[in-house]
Amino acid sequence: MGAATAPVSTKTEVYTKEELEALRRALNEGRNGTGYYLPPEEGRDESDDWGHDVMLLVKFLRDLRDILSMAIESRLPPEDRKRFNALLENLAPTIDDAIAQLEAIDGPTAGLFKVLEKLGLVSDALLAKLDAFRDRIVEGPLVGVLEMGDTILDSLIAAIEILEPLKEVKDTIKNKIEYGADGGIIALNIYPYRERS
């Protein structure tokens, strides 16, 4: 029976294959976790790390969608919520299509995977970006989370162009949060708030 594995901190430098696998598992936890694949069968030469990386990108898109939905509901003034909820809802098929493109990758030699590799969206480069994104989620303000999301989303757009409208909606929500009225403050009802007609 092997020794128990200590939890992997995402603040820790990663050096060994075991530490990389533990970090992938840690990054794949939470609401949109997609499950962690078993290591390749004994005797197989090809690693399945590519599959883990693809699933982490799928998780990122789902996480970003949920973050934007929360931001709309809790941080935007009531007059903006309906419009931005409709925008995000209209983007649902686009996000689903991008996820389907990622999930259709059937190996590390697939064309889309090769593009992701060139854009720094696999292996250690992806883990470092997702690690920083997760750090912002648990330690930073919402605007910082949205800014860190750009690091991954910008590269994803270069690989899957249909995601460009998602970035535009994200940027507009970020701008509203940063420079517009705050829905949380308005909800205090210090002064009555009326939606514009």
N, C-alpha and C. Protein backbone atom coordinates (compact mmCIF):
# COMPACT_ATOMS: atom_id res chain seq x y z
N MET A 1 0.85 -1.19 0.00
CA MET A 1 0.00 0.00 0.00
C MET A 1 0.89 1.23 0.00
N GLY A 2 0.67 2.16 -0.95
CA GLY A 2 1.51 3.35 -1.09
C GLY A 2 1.16 4.40 -0.06
N ALA A 3 2.07 5.31 0.13
CA ALA A 3 1.85 6.41 1.07
C ALA A 3 0.79 7.35 0.51
N ALA A 4 0.05 7.99 1.40
CA ALA A 4 -0.98 8.94 0.97
C ALA A 4 -0.31 10.13 0.29
N THR A 5 -0.95 10.59 -0.75
CA THR A 5 -0.42 11.73 -1.49
C THR A 5 -0.93 13.01 -0.85
N ALA A 6 -0.01 13.92 -0.55
CA ALA A 6 -0.40 15.21 0.03
C ALA A 6 -1.09 16.04 -1.04
N PRO A 7 -2.06 16.89 -0.62
CA PRO A 7 -2.71 17.75 -1.60
C PRO A 7 -1.68 18.63 -2.31
N VAL A 8 -1.90 18.83 -3.59
CA VAL A 8 -0.97 19.64 -4.36
C VAL A 8 -1.42 21.08 -4.32
N SER A 9 -0.55 21.95 -3.90
CA SER A 9 -0.84 23.37 -3.93
C SER A 9 -0.53 23.89 -5.32
N THR A 10 -1.40 24.74 -5.83
CA THR A 10 -1.13 25.31 -7.14
C THR A 10 -0.07 26.39 -7.04
N LYS A 11 0.41 26.68 -5.85
CA LYS A 11 1.50 27.64 -5.66
C LYS A 11 2.85 26.95 -5.78
N THR A 12 2.83 25.63 -5.81
CA THR A 12 4.07 24.86 -5.81
C THR A 12 4.62 24.72 -7.22
N GLU A 13 5.94 24.86 -7.36
CA GLU A 13 6.58 24.59 -8.65
C GLU A 13 6.36 23.11 -8.95
N VAL A 14 6.08 22.79 -10.19
CA VAL A 14 5.82 21.42 -10.58
C VAL A 14 7.00 20.90 -11.39
N TYR A 15 7.50 19.73 -10.99
CA TYR A 15 8.67 19.19 -11.66
C TYR A 15 8.45 17.77 -12.19
N THR A 16 7.81 16.90 -11.42
CA THR A 16 7.71 15.51 -11.82
C THR A 16 6.40 15.22 -12.54
N LYS A 17 6.35 14.08 -13.25
CA LYS A 17 5.13 13.65 -13.94
C LYS A 17 3.99 13.48 -12.93
N GLU A 18 4.31 12.93 -11.75
CA GLU A 18 3.28 12.73 -10.73
C GLU A 18 2.72 14.07 -10.27
N GLU A 19 3.59 15.07 -10.10
CA GLU A 19 3.12 16.38 -9.67
C GLU A 19 2.27 17.04 -10.76
N LEU A 20 2.65 16.85 -12.03
CA LEU A 20 1.85 17.39 -13.12
C LEU A 20 0.46 16.75 -13.14
N GLU A 21 0.41 15.44 -12.96
CA GLU A 21 -0.89 14.74 -12.94
C GLU A 21 -1.73 15.21 -11.76
N ALA A 22 -1.09 15.43 -10.60
CA ALA A 22 -1.83 15.90 -9.43
C ALA A 22 -2.37 17.32 -9.68
N LEU A 23 -1.59 18.16 -10.34
CA LEU A 23 -2.06 19.51 -10.64
C LEU A 23 -3.22 19.47 -11.62
N ARG A 24 -3.14 18.62 -12.63
CA ARG A 24 -4.26 18.47 -13.57
C ARG A 24 -5.53 18.06 -12.81
N ARG A 25 -5.38 17.10 -11.90
CA ARG A 25 -6.55 16.66 -11.12
C ARG A 25 -7.10 17.82 -10.29
N ALA A 26 -6.21 18.58 -9.65
CA ALA A 26 -6.65 19.69 -8.82
C ALA A 26 -7.37 20.76 -9.64
N LEU A 27 -6.84 21.06 -10.82
CA LEU A 27 -7.47 22.07 -11.67
C LEU A 27 -8.80 21.60 -12.22
N ASN A 28 -9.02 20.30 -12.26
CA ASN A 28 -10.23 19.73 -12.84
C ASN A 28 -11.34 19.54 -11.81
N GLU A 29 -11.11 19.99 -10.58
CA GLU A 29 -12.14 19.86 -9.55
C GLU A 29 -13.13 21.01 -9.66
N GLY A 30 -14.22 20.90 -8.93
CA GLY A 30 -15.18 21.99 -8.87
C GLY A 30 -16.40 21.75 -9.73
N ARG A 31 -17.20 22.77 -9.85
CA ARG A 31 -18.51 22.72 -10.48
C ARG A 31 -18.50 22.12 -11.88
N ASN A 32 -17.57 22.51 -12.70
CA ASN A 32 -17.55 22.05 -14.08
C ASN A 32 -16.46 21.01 -14.33
N GLY A 33 -16.03 20.34 -13.27
CA GLY A 33 -15.01 19.30 -13.43
C GLY A 33 -15.52 18.24 -14.38
N THR A 34 -14.65 17.78 -15.23
CA THR A 34 -15.07 16.83 -16.25
C THR A 34 -14.55 15.43 -15.98
N GLY A 35 -13.92 15.24 -14.85
CA GLY A 35 -13.39 13.92 -14.54
C GLY A 35 -11.95 13.80 -14.98
N TYR A 36 -11.23 12.99 -14.31
CA TYR A 36 -9.81 12.80 -14.61
C TYR A 36 -9.63 11.42 -15.20
N TYR A 37 -9.02 11.35 -16.36
CA TYR A 37 -8.84 10.06 -17.02
C TYR A 37 -7.83 9.21 -16.28
N LEU A 38 -8.00 7.90 -16.41
CA LEU A 38 -6.99 7.00 -15.87
C LEU A 38 -5.74 7.10 -16.72
N PRO A 39 -4.59 6.83 -16.12
CA PRO A 39 -3.36 6.87 -16.92
C PRO A 39 -3.43 5.82 -18.02
N PRO A 40 -2.58 5.96 -19.04
CA PRO A 40 -2.60 4.99 -20.13
C PRO A 40 -2.38 3.57 -19.61
N GLU A 41 -2.96 2.61 -20.32
CA GLU A 41 -2.78 1.21 -19.94
C GLU A 41 -1.30 0.85 -20.02
N GLU A 42 -0.92 -0.11 -19.20
CA GLU A 42 0.48 -0.54 -19.22
C GLU A 42 0.85 -1.03 -20.61
N GLY A 43 2.02 -0.65 -21.04
CA GLY A 43 2.47 -1.08 -22.35
C GLY A 43 2.15 -0.10 -23.45
N ARG A 44 1.28 0.86 -23.18
CA ARG A 44 0.98 1.87 -24.19
C ARG A 44 2.06 2.93 -24.17
N ASP A 45 2.52 3.31 -25.33
CA ASP A 45 3.56 4.33 -25.40
C ASP A 45 2.99 5.74 -25.33
N GLU A 46 1.80 5.92 -25.92
CA GLU A 46 1.24 7.26 -26.04
C GLU A 46 0.60 7.70 -24.72
N SER A 47 0.97 8.87 -24.25
CA SER A 47 0.39 9.43 -23.03
C SER A 47 -0.99 9.99 -23.36
N ASP A 48 -1.86 10.03 -22.37
CA ASP A 48 -3.17 10.64 -22.61
C ASP A 48 -3.24 12.04 -22.02
N ASP A 49 -2.09 12.66 -21.76
CA ASP A 49 -2.10 14.02 -21.24
C ASP A 49 -2.85 14.98 -22.15
N TRP A 50 -2.80 14.75 -23.46
CA TRP A 50 -3.51 15.60 -24.41
C TRP A 50 -5.01 15.62 -24.08
N GLY A 51 -5.55 14.46 -23.70
CA GLY A 51 -6.97 14.38 -23.37
C GLY A 51 -7.30 15.18 -22.12
N HIS A 52 -6.41 15.17 -21.16
CA HIS A 52 -6.60 15.95 -19.94
C HIS A 52 -6.61 17.44 -20.28
N ASP A 53 -5.68 17.84 -21.12
CA ASP A 53 -5.58 19.26 -21.49
C ASP A 53 -6.84 19.73 -22.21
N VAL A 54 -7.36 18.90 -23.11
CA VAL A 54 -8.58 19.25 -23.83
C VAL A 54 -9.74 19.41 -22.84
N MET A 55 -9.87 18.48 -21.91
CA MET A 55 -10.97 18.56 -20.94
C MET A 55 -10.82 19.77 -20.02
N LEU A 56 -9.58 20.17 -19.72
CA LEU A 56 -9.38 21.37 -18.92
C LEU A 56 -9.79 22.62 -19.69
N LEU A 57 -9.60 22.64 -20.99
CA LEU A 57 -10.06 23.77 -21.80
C LEU A 57 -11.59 23.81 -21.86
N VAL A 58 -12.21 22.64 -21.94
CA VAL A 58 -13.68 22.57 -21.90
C VAL A 58 -14.17 23.11 -20.56
N LYS A 59 -13.52 22.70 -19.49
CA LYS A 59 -13.89 23.20 -18.15
C LYS A 59 -13.73 24.71 -18.08
N PHE A 60 -12.65 25.24 -18.65
CA PHE A 60 -12.43 26.68 -18.64
C PHE A 60 -13.61 27.41 -19.30
N LEU A 61 -14.05 26.94 -20.45
CA LEU A 61 -15.17 27.60 -21.13
C LEU A 61 -16.44 27.55 -20.29
N ARG A 62 -16.70 26.43 -19.67
CA ARG A 62 -17.89 26.31 -18.81
C ARG A 62 -17.75 27.21 -17.58
N ASP A 63 -16.55 27.24 -17.00
CA ASP A 63 -16.32 28.10 -15.84
C ASP A 63 -16.52 29.57 -16.20
N LEU A 64 -15.97 29.98 -17.35
CA LEU A 64 -16.10 31.37 -17.78
C LEU A 64 -17.56 31.74 -18.00
N ARG A 65 -18.32 30.84 -18.61
CA ARG A 65 -19.76 31.07 -18.82
C ARG A 65 -20.46 31.27 -17.47
N ASP A 66 -20.13 30.44 -16.49
CA ASP A 66 -20.77 30.56 -15.17
C ASP A 66 -20.36 31.84 -14.46
N ILE A 67 -19.10 32.24 -14.61
CA ILE A 67 -18.63 33.48 -14.00
C ILE A 67 -19.37 34.67 -14.61
N LEU A 68 -19.52 34.68 -15.91
CA LEU A 68 -20.23 35.78 -16.57
C LEU A 68 -21.69 35.82 -16.15
N SER A 69 -22.31 34.66 -16.04
CA SER A 69 -23.70 34.59 -15.61
C SER A 69 -23.86 35.15 -14.19
N MET A 70 -22.95 34.77 -13.30
CA MET A 70 -22.98 35.30 -11.94
C MET A 70 -22.77 36.80 -11.93
N ALA A 71 -21.82 37.28 -12.73
CA ALA A 71 -21.52 38.71 -12.78
C ALA A 71 -22.74 39.50 -13.25
N ILE A 72 -23.44 38.97 -14.23
CA ILE A 72 -24.64 39.64 -14.73
C ILE A 72 -25.68 39.74 -13.62
N GLU A 73 -25.92 38.63 -12.94
CA GLU A 73 -26.98 38.59 -11.92
C GLU A 73 -26.64 39.39 -10.66
N SER A 74 -25.38 39.40 -10.27
CA SER A 74 -25.06 40.00 -8.97
C SER A 74 -24.35 41.34 -9.05
N ARG A 75 -23.73 41.65 -10.18
CA ARG A 75 -22.92 42.86 -10.22
C ARG A 75 -23.43 43.94 -11.16
N LEU A 76 -24.28 43.57 -12.12
CA LEU A 76 -24.81 44.59 -13.04
C LEU A 76 -26.10 45.17 -12.50
N PRO A 77 -26.34 46.44 -12.77
CA PRO A 77 -27.61 47.04 -12.36
C PRO A 77 -28.79 46.35 -13.05
N PRO A 78 -29.96 46.40 -12.43
CA PRO A 78 -31.13 45.71 -12.98
C PRO A 78 -31.41 46.06 -14.44
N GLU A 79 -31.18 47.31 -14.83
CA GLU A 79 -31.49 47.72 -16.21
C GLU A 79 -30.64 46.99 -17.24
N ASP A 80 -29.47 46.50 -16.83
CA ASP A 80 -28.57 45.82 -17.75
C ASP A 80 -28.73 44.30 -17.76
N ARG A 81 -29.31 43.75 -16.70
CA ARG A 81 -29.33 42.29 -16.54
C ARG A 81 -30.06 41.57 -17.66
N LYS A 82 -31.24 42.05 -17.99
CA LYS A 82 -32.05 41.35 -19.00
C LYS A 82 -31.30 41.31 -20.33
N ARG A 83 -30.72 42.43 -20.73
CA ARG A 83 -30.01 42.52 -22.00
C ARG A 83 -28.80 41.59 -22.02
N PHE A 84 -28.00 41.61 -20.94
CA PHE A 84 -26.80 40.79 -20.93
C PHE A 84 -27.11 39.30 -20.75
N ASN A 85 -28.16 38.99 -20.01
CA ASN A 85 -28.59 37.59 -19.93
C ASN A 85 -28.99 37.08 -21.31
N ALA A 86 -29.67 37.92 -22.09
CA ALA A 86 -30.07 37.53 -23.44
C ALA A 86 -28.83 37.33 -24.32
N LEU A 87 -27.84 38.24 -24.19
CA LEU A 87 -26.61 38.09 -24.97
C LEU A 87 -25.91 36.78 -24.65
N LEU A 88 -25.79 36.48 -23.34
CA LEU A 88 -25.11 35.24 -22.94
C LEU A 88 -25.90 34.02 -23.37
N GLU A 89 -27.22 34.11 -23.27
CA GLU A 89 -28.06 32.99 -23.72
C GLU A 89 -27.92 32.76 -25.22
N ASN A 90 -27.84 33.85 -25.99
CA ASN A 90 -27.65 33.72 -27.43
C ASN A 90 -26.29 33.12 -27.77
N LEU A 91 -25.33 33.27 -26.88
CA LEU A 91 -24.00 32.70 -27.11
C LEU A 91 -23.91 31.22 -26.72
N ALA A 92 -24.91 30.70 -26.04
CA ALA A 92 -24.86 29.31 -25.58
C ALA A 92 -24.57 28.33 -26.71
N PRO A 93 -25.23 28.43 -27.87
CA PRO A 93 -24.90 27.49 -28.96
C PRO A 93 -23.46 27.64 -29.46
N THR A 94 -22.94 28.86 -29.45
CA THR A 94 -21.56 29.10 -29.87
C THR A 94 -20.59 28.43 -28.91
N ILE A 95 -20.84 28.61 -27.61
CA ILE A 95 -19.98 27.98 -26.60
C ILE A 95 -20.07 26.46 -26.72
N ASP A 96 -21.29 25.96 -26.90
CA ASP A 96 -21.47 24.51 -27.06
C ASP A 96 -20.75 23.99 -28.30
N ASP A 97 -20.78 24.78 -29.38
CA ASP A 97 -20.09 24.38 -30.61
C ASP A 97 -18.57 24.34 -30.39
N ALA A 98 -18.05 25.35 -29.69
CA ALA A 98 -16.61 25.37 -29.40
C ALA A 98 -16.23 24.17 -28.54
N ILE A 99 -17.06 23.85 -27.54
CA ILE A 99 -16.81 22.69 -26.69
C ILE A 99 -16.84 21.41 -27.53
N ALA A 100 -17.81 21.33 -28.45
CA ALA A 100 -17.90 20.14 -29.32
C ALA A 100 -16.65 20.01 -30.18
N GLN A 101 -16.12 21.13 -30.67
CA GLN A 101 -14.89 21.08 -31.46
C GLN A 101 -13.72 20.56 -30.62
N LEU A 102 -13.65 21.02 -29.37
CA LEU A 102 -12.58 20.54 -28.48
C LEU A 102 -12.77 19.05 -28.20
N GLU A 103 -14.00 18.66 -27.88
CA GLU A 103 -14.25 17.26 -27.53
C GLU A 103 -14.08 16.32 -28.72
N ALA A 104 -14.12 16.86 -29.94
CA ALA A 104 -13.93 16.03 -31.13
C ALA A 104 -12.45 15.72 -31.39
N ILE A 105 -11.56 16.38 -30.68
CA ILE A 105 -10.13 16.09 -30.84
C ILE A 105 -9.91 14.63 -30.44
N ASP A 106 -9.30 13.87 -31.34
CA ASP A 106 -9.15 12.43 -31.08
C ASP A 106 -7.71 11.99 -30.83
N GLY A 107 -6.84 12.93 -30.66
CA GLY A 107 -5.46 12.56 -30.35
C GLY A 107 -4.52 13.74 -30.51
N PRO A 108 -3.29 13.56 -30.08
CA PRO A 108 -2.33 14.67 -30.11
C PRO A 108 -1.87 15.06 -31.52
N THR A 109 -2.27 14.29 -32.52
CA THR A 109 -1.90 14.65 -33.90
C THR A 109 -3.05 15.33 -34.63
N ALA A 110 -4.19 15.49 -33.98
CA ALA A 110 -5.35 16.16 -34.59
C ALA A 110 -4.98 17.61 -34.92
N GLY A 111 -5.55 18.11 -36.00
CA GLY A 111 -5.23 19.47 -36.45
C GLY A 111 -5.47 20.53 -35.39
N LEU A 112 -6.66 20.50 -34.76
CA LEU A 112 -6.98 21.50 -33.75
C LEU A 112 -6.04 21.40 -32.55
N PHE A 113 -5.69 20.17 -32.17
CA PHE A 113 -4.77 20.02 -31.04
C PHE A 113 -3.41 20.64 -31.37
N LYS A 114 -2.94 20.44 -32.60
CA LYS A 114 -1.66 21.02 -33.01
C LYS A 114 -1.71 22.55 -32.94
N VAL A 115 -2.85 23.13 -33.31
CA VAL A 115 -3.02 24.58 -33.21
C VAL A 115 -2.98 25.01 -31.74
N LEU A 116 -3.70 24.28 -30.88
CA LEU A 116 -3.69 24.59 -29.44
C LEU A 116 -2.27 24.52 -28.88
N GLU A 117 -1.52 23.53 -29.36
CA GLU A 117 -0.13 23.37 -28.91
C GLU A 117 0.71 24.59 -29.29
N LYS A 118 0.56 25.05 -30.53
CA LYS A 118 1.31 26.23 -30.99
C LYS A 118 0.93 27.49 -30.21
N LEU A 119 -0.31 27.54 -29.72
CA LEU A 119 -0.80 28.72 -29.00
C LEU A 119 -0.52 28.64 -27.50
N GLY A 120 0.17 27.61 -27.04
CA GLY A 120 0.49 27.49 -25.62
C GLY A 120 -0.70 27.07 -24.77
N LEU A 121 -1.59 26.24 -25.35
CA LEU A 121 -2.79 25.81 -24.62
C LEU A 121 -2.77 24.32 -24.31
N VAL A 122 -1.60 23.76 -24.16
CA VAL A 122 -1.46 22.37 -23.73
C VAL A 122 -0.29 22.26 -22.77
N SER A 123 -0.23 21.16 -22.08
CA SER A 123 0.89 20.80 -21.24
C SER A 123 1.16 21.85 -20.16
N ASP A 124 2.44 22.07 -19.86
CA ASP A 124 2.81 22.96 -18.76
C ASP A 124 2.32 24.38 -18.97
N ALA A 125 2.34 24.87 -20.21
CA ALA A 125 1.89 26.24 -20.48
C ALA A 125 0.42 26.42 -20.11
N LEU A 126 -0.41 25.44 -20.47
CA LEU A 126 -1.83 25.50 -20.12
C LEU A 126 -2.01 25.43 -18.61
N LEU A 127 -1.29 24.51 -17.97
CA LEU A 127 -1.44 24.36 -16.53
C LEU A 127 -1.07 25.65 -15.81
N ALA A 128 -0.02 26.33 -16.25
CA ALA A 128 0.40 27.58 -15.62
C ALA A 128 -0.69 28.65 -15.76
N LYS A 129 -1.29 28.73 -16.95
CA LYS A 129 -2.34 29.73 -17.17
C LYS A 129 -3.59 29.42 -16.35
N LEU A 130 -3.99 28.15 -16.33
CA LEU A 130 -5.17 27.77 -15.56
C LEU A 130 -4.92 27.92 -14.07
N ASP A 131 -3.70 27.66 -13.64
CA ASP A 131 -3.33 27.82 -12.24
C ASP A 131 -3.49 29.29 -11.83
N ALA A 132 -3.00 30.20 -12.67
CA ALA A 132 -3.13 31.63 -12.38
C ALA A 132 -4.60 32.06 -12.41
N PHE A 133 -5.39 31.51 -13.34
CA PHE A 133 -6.82 31.80 -13.42
C PHE A 133 -7.51 31.36 -12.14
N ARG A 134 -7.19 30.15 -11.67
CA ARG A 134 -7.81 29.65 -10.44
C ARG A 134 -7.39 30.49 -9.24
N ASP A 135 -6.12 30.90 -9.21
CA ASP A 135 -5.67 31.78 -8.12
C ASP A 135 -6.49 33.06 -8.07
N ARG A 136 -6.74 33.64 -9.24
CA ARG A 136 -7.54 34.87 -9.28
C ARG A 136 -8.96 34.61 -8.77
N ILE A 137 -9.51 33.46 -9.14
CA ILE A 137 -10.88 33.15 -8.71
C ILE A 137 -10.96 33.08 -7.19
N VAL A 138 -9.99 32.46 -6.56
CA VAL A 138 -10.08 32.27 -5.11
C VAL A 138 -9.47 33.42 -4.31
N GLU A 139 -8.69 34.29 -4.96
CA GLU A 139 -8.02 35.35 -4.21
C GLU A 139 -8.26 36.75 -4.74
N GLY A 140 -8.74 36.89 -5.97
CA GLY A 140 -8.77 38.22 -6.57
C GLY A 140 -10.17 38.76 -6.78
N PRO A 141 -10.25 40.03 -7.19
CA PRO A 141 -11.55 40.62 -7.50
C PRO A 141 -12.07 40.10 -8.85
N LEU A 142 -13.35 40.28 -9.07
CA LEU A 142 -13.97 39.78 -10.29
C LEU A 142 -13.32 40.35 -11.55
N VAL A 143 -12.98 41.63 -11.54
CA VAL A 143 -12.34 42.23 -12.70
C VAL A 143 -11.01 41.53 -12.99
N GLY A 144 -10.26 41.19 -11.94
CA GLY A 144 -9.00 40.47 -12.12
C GLY A 144 -9.22 39.09 -12.70
N VAL A 145 -10.28 38.42 -12.28
CA VAL A 145 -10.61 37.09 -12.82
C VAL A 145 -10.89 37.20 -14.31
N LEU A 146 -11.69 38.20 -14.69
CA LEU A 146 -12.04 38.38 -16.10
C LEU A 146 -10.80 38.74 -16.93
N GLU A 147 -9.91 39.54 -16.37
CA GLU A 147 -8.68 39.89 -17.09
C GLU A 147 -7.79 38.66 -17.27
N MET A 148 -7.66 37.84 -16.24
CA MET A 148 -6.84 36.64 -16.35
C MET A 148 -7.45 35.66 -17.35
N GLY A 149 -8.78 35.65 -17.43
CA GLY A 149 -9.44 34.79 -18.40
C GLY A 149 -9.05 35.13 -19.82
N ASP A 150 -8.69 36.40 -20.06
CA ASP A 150 -8.26 36.81 -21.41
C ASP A 150 -7.03 36.04 -21.87
N THR A 151 -6.15 35.72 -20.96
CA THR A 151 -4.91 35.03 -21.32
C THR A 151 -5.22 33.73 -22.06
N ILE A 152 -6.23 33.02 -21.57
CA ILE A 152 -6.60 31.75 -22.20
C ILE A 152 -7.58 31.99 -23.36
N LEU A 153 -8.56 32.85 -23.13
CA LEU A 153 -9.60 33.07 -24.14
C LEU A 153 -9.01 33.64 -25.43
N ASP A 154 -8.08 34.58 -25.33
CA ASP A 154 -7.48 35.15 -26.54
C ASP A 154 -6.82 34.07 -27.39
N SER A 155 -6.10 33.16 -26.75
CA SER A 155 -5.46 32.07 -27.49
C SER A 155 -6.50 31.11 -28.06
N LEU A 156 -7.55 30.83 -27.28
CA LEU A 156 -8.61 29.94 -27.77
C LEU A 156 -9.29 30.53 -29.00
N ILE A 157 -9.48 31.85 -29.01
CA ILE A 157 -10.11 32.50 -30.16
C ILE A 157 -9.26 32.33 -31.40
N ALA A 158 -7.94 32.36 -31.23
CA ALA A 158 -7.05 32.15 -32.38
C ALA A 158 -7.21 30.75 -32.95
N ALA A 159 -7.63 29.79 -32.11
CA ALA A 159 -7.84 28.42 -32.56
C ALA A 159 -9.28 28.17 -32.98
N ILE A 160 -10.22 28.79 -32.28
CA ILE A 160 -11.65 28.59 -32.54
C ILE A 160 -12.29 29.97 -32.65
N GLU A 161 -12.32 30.50 -33.85
CA GLU A 161 -12.71 31.90 -34.08
C GLU A 161 -14.13 32.23 -33.64
N ILE A 162 -15.00 31.24 -33.61
CA ILE A 162 -16.40 31.52 -33.26
C ILE A 162 -16.54 32.03 -31.83
N LEU A 163 -15.47 31.96 -31.02
CA LEU A 163 -15.53 32.42 -29.64
C LEU A 163 -15.34 33.94 -29.51
N GLU A 164 -15.05 34.62 -30.60
CA GLU A 164 -14.84 36.08 -30.54
C GLU A 164 -16.01 36.82 -29.88
N PRO A 165 -17.28 36.51 -30.21
CA PRO A 165 -18.39 37.22 -29.54
C PRO A 165 -18.41 37.00 -28.03
N LEU A 166 -17.94 35.84 -27.55
CA LEU A 166 -17.88 35.60 -26.12
C LEU A 166 -16.92 36.60 -25.47
N LYS A 167 -15.78 36.83 -26.10
CA LYS A 167 -14.82 37.80 -25.56
C LYS A 167 -15.44 39.20 -25.54
N GLU A 168 -16.17 39.56 -26.59
CA GLU A 168 -16.78 40.89 -26.64
C GLU A 168 -17.79 41.07 -25.51
N VAL A 169 -18.61 40.06 -25.26
CA VAL A 169 -19.58 40.15 -24.16
C VAL A 169 -18.83 40.21 -22.83
N LYS A 170 -17.80 39.37 -22.67
CA LYS A 170 -17.01 39.39 -21.43
C LYS A 170 -16.38 40.75 -21.20
N ASP A 171 -15.81 41.34 -22.25
CA ASP A 171 -15.17 42.64 -22.11
C ASP A 171 -16.18 43.73 -21.76
N THR A 172 -17.37 43.66 -22.34
CA THR A 172 -18.40 44.65 -22.05
C THR A 172 -18.88 44.52 -20.62
N ILE A 173 -19.07 43.29 -20.15
CA ILE A 173 -19.46 43.08 -18.75
C ILE A 173 -18.37 43.58 -17.83
N LYS A 174 -17.11 43.27 -18.14
CA LYS A 174 -15.98 43.75 -17.32
C LYS A 174 -15.98 45.27 -17.26
N ASN A 175 -16.19 45.93 -18.40
CA ASN A 175 -16.21 47.38 -18.43
C ASN A 175 -17.35 47.93 -17.58
N LYS A 176 -18.52 47.31 -17.68
CA LYS A 176 -19.67 47.75 -16.87
C LYS A 176 -19.38 47.61 -15.38
N ILE A 177 -18.74 46.50 -15.00
CA ILE A 177 -18.42 46.26 -13.59
C ILE A 177 -17.38 47.28 -13.11
N GLU A 178 -16.39 47.52 -13.96
CA GLU A 178 -15.28 48.40 -13.57
C GLU A 178 -15.69 49.86 -13.54
N TYR A 179 -16.51 50.29 -14.49
CA TYR A 179 -16.79 51.72 -14.61
C TYR A 179 -18.26 52.10 -14.45
N GLY A 180 -19.13 51.11 -14.38
CA GLY A 180 -20.56 51.40 -14.27
C GLY A 180 -21.04 51.28 -12.84
N ALA A 181 -22.35 51.47 -12.67
CA ALA A 181 -22.96 51.31 -11.35
C ALA A 181 -22.88 49.85 -10.92
N ASP A 182 -22.81 49.61 -9.63
CA ASP A 182 -22.68 48.27 -9.08
C ASP A 182 -24.03 47.77 -8.60
N GLY A 183 -24.46 46.61 -9.15
CA GLY A 183 -25.75 46.05 -8.78
C GLY A 183 -25.88 45.77 -7.30
N GLY A 184 -24.79 45.37 -6.65
CA GLY A 184 -24.82 45.11 -5.21
C GLY A 184 -25.11 46.36 -4.41
N ILE A 185 -24.49 47.46 -4.80
CA ILE A 185 -24.73 48.73 -4.10
C ILE A 185 -26.15 49.20 -4.36
N ILE A 186 -26.60 49.09 -5.60
CA ILE A 186 -27.96 49.50 -5.93
C ILE A 186 -28.97 48.69 -5.13
N ALA A 187 -28.68 47.40 -4.91
CA ALA A 187 -29.59 46.53 -4.17
C ALA A 187 -29.74 46.95 -2.70
N LEU A 188 -28.83 47.76 -2.20
CA LEU A 188 -28.96 48.26 -0.83
C LEU A 188 -30.15 49.22 -0.69
N ASN A 189 -30.61 49.73 -1.82
CA ASN A 189 -31.78 50.62 -1.87
C ASN A 189 -31.60 51.86 -1.01
N ILE A 190 -30.38 52.39 -0.97
CA ILE A 190 -30.12 53.62 -0.23
C ILE A 190 -30.90 54.76 -0.85
N TYR A 191 -30.89 54.81 -2.17
CA TYR A 191 -31.77 55.70 -2.92
C TYR A 191 -32.59 54.81 -3.83
N PRO A 192 -33.86 55.07 -3.98
CA PRO A 192 -34.68 54.24 -4.86
C PRO A 192 -34.09 54.23 -6.27
N TYR A 193 -34.11 53.07 -6.86
CA TYR A 193 -33.56 52.90 -8.21
C TYR A 193 -34.68 52.52 -9.15
N ARG A 194 -34.76 53.21 -10.25
CA ARG A 194 -35.77 52.87 -11.23
C ARG A 194 -35.09 52.45 -12.51
N GLU A 195 -35.58 51.36 -13.08
CA GLU A 195 -35.06 50.93 -14.37
C GLU A 195 -35.51 51.92 -15.43
N ARG A 196 -34.61 52.14 -16.40
CA ARG A 196 -34.98 53.01 -17.52
C ARG A 196 -35.97 52.29 -18.43
N SER A 197 -36.89 53.04 -18.98
CA SER A 197 -37.86 52.43 -19.88
C SER A 197 -37.29 52.26 -21.26
